[in-house]
């Protein structure tokens, strides 16, 4: 019974996703190149990306961000943290904008010292990011904060923050798409590896489907149509990172 309930919940969630416009999923993560300090605390309040889909007045879209103060020195040597996520229209993103609060500080010799932050940085620190987002693919943008170069000591013993950050983008999944005929079959579609179902979708009113965020590997794609029509499977479907595997037209038999 628990498996059946879990399947129903998962199916409803993926049905909602499958009926959206063409979108890609974006994760923004934060990491750090180490600096010679005990702590470097950065107050992050907002993350935005500039998307070229033309659906907003200025192209900027606000991501779902985990606001707060981050000690970026805890995120070095291969460590990072999830900062923000978003479902974005497929297309090109050209910039990412990081908005900082005023609660920034550095710890030196056991003493916490405030970091003065220019108002322009609080209004939005823009980083160039030229990436093309493909429908159904999950991407990660890593903000690599260089602590050593971002802290400036003034002559009067105070410190200011002048962030030096690199934005690095990579695809982290693939996807599977296709078209079902007849449209009336309306099957649930599953990507299966071994005994695990890793992605689920439903067809839209034109018979199209896309299985999003699929890890690289080989899958069985299973089609479970409405009652009275025969189930079908496509074996050995290969998925690669950053690519969409197109199964073409799948015919469901009575």
Protein backbone atom coordinates (compact mmCIF):
# COMPACT_ATOMS: atom_id res chain seq x y z
CA UNK A 1 0.00 0.00 0.00
CA UNK A 2 2.86 2.41 0.85
CA UNK A 3 4.45 1.75 -2.57
CA UNK A 4 1.12 2.50 -4.29
CA UNK A 5 0.67 5.76 -2.38
CA UNK A 6 4.26 6.75 -3.13
CA UNK A 7 3.71 6.07 -6.82
CA UNK A 8 0.54 8.20 -6.85
CA UNK A 9 2.30 11.15 -5.17
CA UNK A 10 5.29 10.89 -7.51
CA UNK A 11 3.03 10.67 -10.55
CA UNK A 12 1.07 13.77 -9.53
CA UNK A 13 4.28 15.75 -9.01
CA UNK A 14 5.70 14.77 -12.39
CA UNK A 15 2.38 15.38 -14.10
CA UNK A 16 2.52 18.96 -12.86
CA UNK A 17 6.09 19.30 -14.15
CA UNK A 18 5.38 17.68 -17.51
CA UNK A 19 2.66 20.20 -18.35
CA UNK A 20 4.94 23.22 -17.82
CA UNK A 21 6.51 25.20 -20.63
CA UNK A 22 9.96 24.13 -21.80
CA UNK A 23 12.15 24.54 -18.75
CA UNK A 24 15.54 23.60 -17.30
CA UNK A 25 16.43 23.24 -13.63
CA UNK A 26 19.20 25.36 -12.14
CA UNK A 27 21.13 24.88 -8.89
CA UNK A 28 23.45 27.62 -7.61
CA UNK A 29 26.14 26.44 -5.21
CA UNK A 30 28.72 28.40 -3.21
CA UNK A 31 32.35 27.40 -2.66
CA UNK A 32 35.57 29.18 -1.67
CA UNK A 33 39.24 29.47 -2.51
CA UNK A 34 40.86 29.61 0.99
CA UNK A 35 42.20 32.81 2.56
CA UNK A 36 44.45 33.47 5.55
CA UNK A 37 41.60 34.33 7.95
CA UNK A 38 39.73 32.49 10.70
CA UNK A 39 36.32 33.36 9.28
CA UNK A 40 34.95 35.28 6.31
CA UNK A 41 31.21 35.81 6.81
CA UNK A 42 29.18 36.91 3.81
CA UNK A 43 25.56 38.06 4.11
CA UNK A 44 23.72 36.77 1.02
CA UNK A 45 20.18 38.06 0.55
CA UNK A 46 19.26 37.39 -3.09
CA UNK A 47 20.41 35.57 -6.22
CA UNK A 48 19.09 36.49 -9.67
CA UNK A 49 19.87 35.37 -13.21
CA UNK A 50 19.38 37.24 -16.46
CA UNK A 51 17.35 35.04 -18.80
CA UNK A 52 16.76 35.86 -22.46
CA UNK A 53 13.29 34.30 -22.79
CA UNK A 54 11.72 37.75 -22.95
CA UNK A 55 8.88 36.98 -20.53
CA UNK A 56 9.87 39.58 -17.94
CA UNK A 57 10.30 43.32 -18.31
CA UNK A 58 14.05 43.41 -17.69
CA UNK A 59 15.06 39.76 -18.06
CA UNK A 60 16.05 39.29 -14.40
CA UNK A 61 14.56 36.35 -12.51
CA UNK A 62 14.84 35.86 -8.74
CA UNK A 63 15.83 32.39 -7.56
CA UNK A 64 14.60 30.55 -4.48
CA UNK A 65 17.55 31.40 -2.22
CA UNK A 66 18.65 30.29 1.24
CA UNK A 67 19.22 33.74 2.75
CA UNK A 68 21.72 34.14 5.53
CA UNK A 69 25.32 34.66 6.62
CA UNK A 70 27.77 32.12 5.20
CA UNK A 71 31.27 31.54 6.56
CA UNK A 72 32.79 30.80 3.19
CA UNK A 73 36.00 29.41 4.72
CA UNK A 74 33.93 26.36 5.68
CA UNK A 75 33.35 25.77 1.96
CA UNK A 76 36.89 25.17 0.72
CA UNK A 77 38.86 22.10 -0.37
CA UNK A 78 36.06 20.63 -2.46
CA UNK A 79 33.19 21.52 -0.12
CA UNK A 80 30.22 23.62 -1.21
CA UNK A 81 26.63 24.38 -0.22
CA UNK A 82 23.37 24.77 -2.12
CA UNK A 83 22.57 28.48 -2.27
CA UNK A 84 19.59 28.78 -4.64
CA UNK A 85 17.41 26.84 -7.07
CA UNK A 86 15.09 27.73 -9.92
CA UNK A 87 13.04 26.30 -12.76
CA UNK A 88 13.90 28.51 -15.74
CA UNK A 89 12.71 28.72 -19.34
CA UNK A 90 15.09 26.93 -21.67
CA UNK A 91 17.36 29.42 -23.41
CA UNK A 92 20.37 31.57 -22.72
CA UNK A 93 21.40 33.11 -19.40
CA UNK A 94 24.02 35.83 -19.62
CA UNK A 95 24.54 37.08 -16.04
CA UNK A 96 24.03 36.18 -12.43
CA UNK A 97 23.47 38.86 -9.77
CA UNK A 98 24.32 38.41 -6.10
CA UNK A 99 22.75 40.84 -3.62
CA UNK A 100 24.50 41.20 -0.28
CA UNK A 101 23.25 42.42 3.07
CA UNK A 102 25.22 44.56 5.52
CA UNK A 103 26.11 41.84 8.04
CA UNK A 104 29.53 40.94 6.56
CA UNK A 105 32.58 40.33 8.75
CA UNK A 106 36.06 38.83 8.98
CA UNK A 107 37.64 37.11 11.98
CA UNK A 108 41.34 37.79 12.57
CA UNK A 109 43.26 36.89 15.74
CA UNK A 110 40.05 35.83 17.44
CA UNK A 111 38.39 39.22 16.82
CA UNK A 112 35.35 39.70 14.57
CA UNK A 113 35.77 42.82 12.46
CA UNK A 114 33.03 44.28 10.26
CA UNK A 115 33.53 44.37 6.50
CA UNK A 116 32.30 47.58 4.93
CA UNK A 117 30.34 46.81 1.80
CA UNK A 118 29.76 49.41 -0.93
CA UNK A 119 26.07 50.08 -1.56
CA UNK A 120 26.52 49.05 -5.19
CA UNK A 121 27.39 45.51 -4.04
CA UNK A 122 24.32 45.38 -1.82
CA UNK A 123 22.24 46.52 -4.81
CA UNK A 124 23.68 43.71 -6.94
CA UNK A 125 27.07 42.24 -7.76
CA UNK A 126 26.86 41.13 -11.41
CA UNK A 127 28.87 38.21 -12.79
CA UNK A 128 29.03 37.23 -16.45
CA UNK A 129 27.63 33.78 -17.15
CA UNK A 130 27.12 32.72 -20.76
CA UNK A 131 25.24 29.43 -20.69
CA UNK A 132 22.58 27.82 -22.87
CA UNK A 133 19.95 25.90 -20.89
CA UNK A 134 18.39 22.91 -22.67
CA UNK A 135 14.88 21.75 -21.86
CA UNK A 136 14.78 18.98 -19.26
CA UNK A 137 18.45 19.25 -18.24
CA UNK A 138 19.64 20.08 -14.72
CA UNK A 139 22.53 22.55 -14.45
CA UNK A 140 24.76 23.64 -11.60
CA UNK A 141 26.35 27.10 -11.36
CA UNK A 142 29.14 27.21 -8.78
CA UNK A 143 30.08 30.61 -7.35
CA UNK A 144 33.76 30.30 -6.47
CA UNK A 145 34.46 33.03 -3.88
CA UNK A 146 38.15 33.99 -3.59
CA UNK A 147 38.45 35.00 0.08
CA UNK A 148 42.14 35.95 -0.11
CA UNK A 149 41.53 38.50 -2.88
CA UNK A 150 38.15 39.74 -1.62
CA UNK A 151 39.24 41.23 1.74
CA UNK A 152 40.97 44.60 1.56
CA UNK A 153 42.73 46.04 4.62
CA UNK A 154 42.63 49.81 4.82
CA UNK A 155 45.34 51.99 6.30
CA UNK A 156 43.27 52.81 9.40
CA UNK A 157 42.98 49.14 10.43
CA UNK A 158 39.50 48.58 9.04
CA UNK A 159 38.54 46.12 6.33
CA UNK A 160 36.32 46.27 3.27
CA UNK A 161 34.76 43.61 1.09
CA UNK A 162 35.43 43.70 -2.64
CA UNK A 163 34.20 40.28 -3.78
CA UNK A 164 36.24 38.36 -6.36
CA UNK A 165 34.00 35.55 -7.62
CA UNK A 166 34.06 33.19 -10.59
CA UNK A 167 30.81 31.69 -11.91
CA UNK A 168 31.29 28.16 -13.27
CA UNK A 169 28.43 26.36 -15.05
CA UNK A 170 28.02 22.67 -15.92
CA UNK A 171 25.22 20.31 -16.85
CA UNK A 172 24.61 17.60 -14.26
CA UNK A 173 21.92 15.46 -15.92
CA UNK A 174 20.42 14.37 -19.21
CA UNK A 175 16.81 13.88 -20.33
CA UNK A 176 14.64 11.62 -22.48
CA UNK A 177 11.84 12.84 -24.75
CA UNK A 178 9.48 11.50 -27.39
CA UNK A 179 5.95 11.51 -28.82
CA UNK A 180 3.19 8.97 -28.23
CA UNK A 181 0.66 7.93 -30.85
CA UNK A 182 -2.26 7.74 -30.66
CA UNK A 183 -2.50 10.82 -28.46
CA UNK A 184 -5.51 9.32 -26.69
CA UNK A 185 -3.29 6.61 -25.15
CA UNK A 186 -2.03 9.15 -22.59
CA UNK A 187 0.47 6.80 -20.90
CA UNK A 188 2.51 7.30 -17.78
CA UNK A 189 6.17 7.14 -18.82
CA UNK A 190 8.93 5.81 -16.57
CA UNK A 191 12.74 5.72 -16.81
CA UNK A 192 13.83 2.56 -15.00
CA UNK A 193 17.25 1.20 -14.10
CA UNK A 194 17.28 -2.19 -12.39
CA UNK A 195 14.36 -2.03 -9.95
CA UNK A 196 14.52 1.76 -9.49
CA UNK A 197 12.29 4.29 -11.22
CA UNK A 198 14.40 7.46 -11.56
CA UNK A 199 12.01 9.71 -13.52
CA UNK A 200 8.30 9.81 -14.37
CA UNK A 201 6.24 11.92 -16.78
CA UNK A 202 2.92 12.06 -18.62
CA UNK A 203 2.19 13.04 -22.19
CA UNK A 204 0.68 16.42 -23.02
CA UNK A 205 -2.29 17.11 -25.30
CA UNK A 206 -0.04 16.58 -28.35
CA UNK A 207 1.33 13.27 -27.13
CA UNK A 208 4.75 14.67 -26.21
CA UNK A 209 6.65 13.78 -23.03
CA UNK A 210 9.98 14.56 -21.43
CA UNK A 211 11.70 12.76 -18.57
CA UNK A 212 13.73 15.44 -16.81
CA UNK A 213 16.88 15.36 -14.71
CA UNK A 214 17.92 11.82 -15.64
CA UNK A 215 21.47 10.76 -14.59
CA UNK A 216 23.78 9.35 -17.25
CA UNK A 217 23.36 5.62 -17.86
CA UNK A 218 21.26 3.01 -19.64
CA UNK A 219 17.51 2.80 -18.99
CA UNK A 220 14.37 0.92 -19.81
CA UNK A 221 11.64 3.41 -20.71
CA UNK A 222 8.24 1.95 -19.84
CA UNK A 223 4.92 3.21 -21.23
CA UNK A 224 1.78 2.40 -19.23
CA UNK A 225 -1.26 3.61 -21.25
CA UNK A 226 -4.87 3.88 -20.21
CA UNK A 227 -6.96 0.75 -19.77
CA UNK A 228 -7.54 -1.29 -22.91
CA UNK A 229 -4.18 -0.48 -24.55
CA UNK A 230 -1.03 -2.57 -24.38
CA UNK A 231 1.96 -1.47 -22.28
CA UNK A 232 5.25 -0.99 -24.12
CA UNK A 233 8.95 -0.71 -23.31
CA UNK A 234 12.02 0.73 -25.00
CA UNK A 235 15.16 -1.09 -23.85
CA UNK A 236 18.75 0.14 -23.52
CA UNK A 237 17.99 3.86 -23.81
CA UNK A 238 21.28 5.69 -23.26
CA UNK A 239 21.38 9.04 -21.46
CA UNK A 240 24.45 11.31 -21.38
CA UNK A 241 25.08 14.43 -19.31
CA UNK A 242 23.91 17.63 -21.03
CA UNK A 243 22.01 15.85 -23.83
CA UNK A 244 18.38 14.99 -24.54
CA UNK A 245 17.82 11.48 -25.93
CA UNK A 246 14.97 11.60 -28.46
CA UNK A 247 12.98 8.36 -28.80
CA UNK A 248 10.99 9.76 -31.71
CA UNK A 249 7.43 8.48 -32.13
CA UNK A 250 6.29 5.60 -29.94
CA UNK A 251 3.21 3.71 -31.17
CA UNK A 252 0.90 2.21 -28.55
CA UNK A 253 -1.03 -0.84 -29.76
CA UNK A 254 -4.54 -1.87 -28.77
